[in-house]
C-alpha cells in the first residue's frame, strides 16, 4: 500500500512538472507572438512612411 502511495505521489509530481513546463512554454509563445506583432506594426508604419516619401520625391 505504501508503495502505491509513493508511486502515485511521484506520478502526481511528474504531471505537475509537465503542466508547469507546458504553461511556461505557452507563456513564451504568447510573448513571442506579441513581439512579432509589434515588429510587424512598426514595419508597416515604416513602409507607409517610405511609400509616402517616395511619392513626394516623384512629384
Protein backbone atom coordinates (compact mmCIF):
# COMPACT_ATOMS: atom_id res chain seq x y z
CA UNK A 1 0.00 0.00 0.00
CA UNK A 2 2.84 2.39 0.87
CA UNK A 3 4.46 1.62 -2.48
CA UNK A 4 1.27 2.57 -4.30
CA UNK A 5 1.08 5.88 -2.41
CA UNK A 6 4.74 6.68 -3.13
CA UNK A 7 4.36 5.75 -6.80
CA UNK A 8 1.19 7.83 -7.07
CA UNK A 9 3.00 10.74 -5.42
CA UNK A 10 5.82 10.52 -7.98
CA UNK A 11 3.31 10.40 -10.84
CA UNK A 12 1.48 13.45 -9.49
CA UNK A 13 4.74 15.40 -9.15
CA UNK A 14 5.81 14.41 -12.68
CA UNK A 15 2.45 15.53 -14.07
CA UNK A 16 2.65 18.77 -12.11
CA UNK A 17 6.12 19.46 -13.53
CA UNK A 18 4.90 18.64 -17.04
CA UNK A 19 1.96 21.06 -16.69
CA UNK A 20 4.23 23.81 -15.31
CA UNK A 21 6.67 23.34 -18.21
CA UNK A 22 3.80 23.45 -20.69
CA UNK A 23 2.47 26.69 -19.18
CA UNK A 24 5.93 28.26 -19.31
CA UNK A 25 6.23 27.29 -22.98
CA UNK A 26 2.79 28.76 -23.74
CA UNK A 27 3.74 31.99 -21.94
CA UNK A 28 6.93 32.24 -24.01
CA UNK A 29 4.99 31.61 -27.22
CA UNK A 30 2.50 34.34 -26.28
CA UNK A 31 5.34 36.79 -25.60
CA UNK A 32 6.95 35.84 -28.91
CA UNK A 33 3.65 36.44 -30.76
CA UNK A 34 3.26 39.83 -29.08
CA UNK A 35 6.82 40.77 -30.03
CA UNK A 36 6.32 39.67 -33.64
CA UNK A 37 3.07 41.66 -33.83
CA UNK A 38 4.90 44.74 -32.55
CA UNK A 39 7.67 44.30 -35.12
CA UNK A 40 5.13 43.90 -37.94
CA UNK A 41 3.25 47.00 -36.79
CA UNK A 42 6.46 49.04 -36.75
CA UNK A 43 7.48 47.65 -40.15
CA UNK A 44 4.09 48.54 -41.61
CA UNK A 45 4.37 52.11 -40.28
CA UNK A 46 7.89 52.41 -41.69
CA UNK A 47 6.76 51.03 -45.04
CA UNK A 48 3.95 53.60 -45.13
CA UNK A 49 6.45 56.40 -44.46
CA UNK A 50 8.76 55.12 -47.21
CA UNK A 51 5.90 54.99 -49.71
CA UNK A 52 4.78 58.49 -48.71
CA UNK A 53 8.29 59.92 -49.07
CA UNK A 54 8.76 58.17 -52.42
CA UNK A 55 5.53 59.70 -53.72
CA UNK A 56 6.66 63.16 -52.59
CA UNK A 57 10.03 62.62 -54.31
CA UNK A 58 8.32 61.63 -57.60
CA UNK A 59 6.27 64.85 -57.70
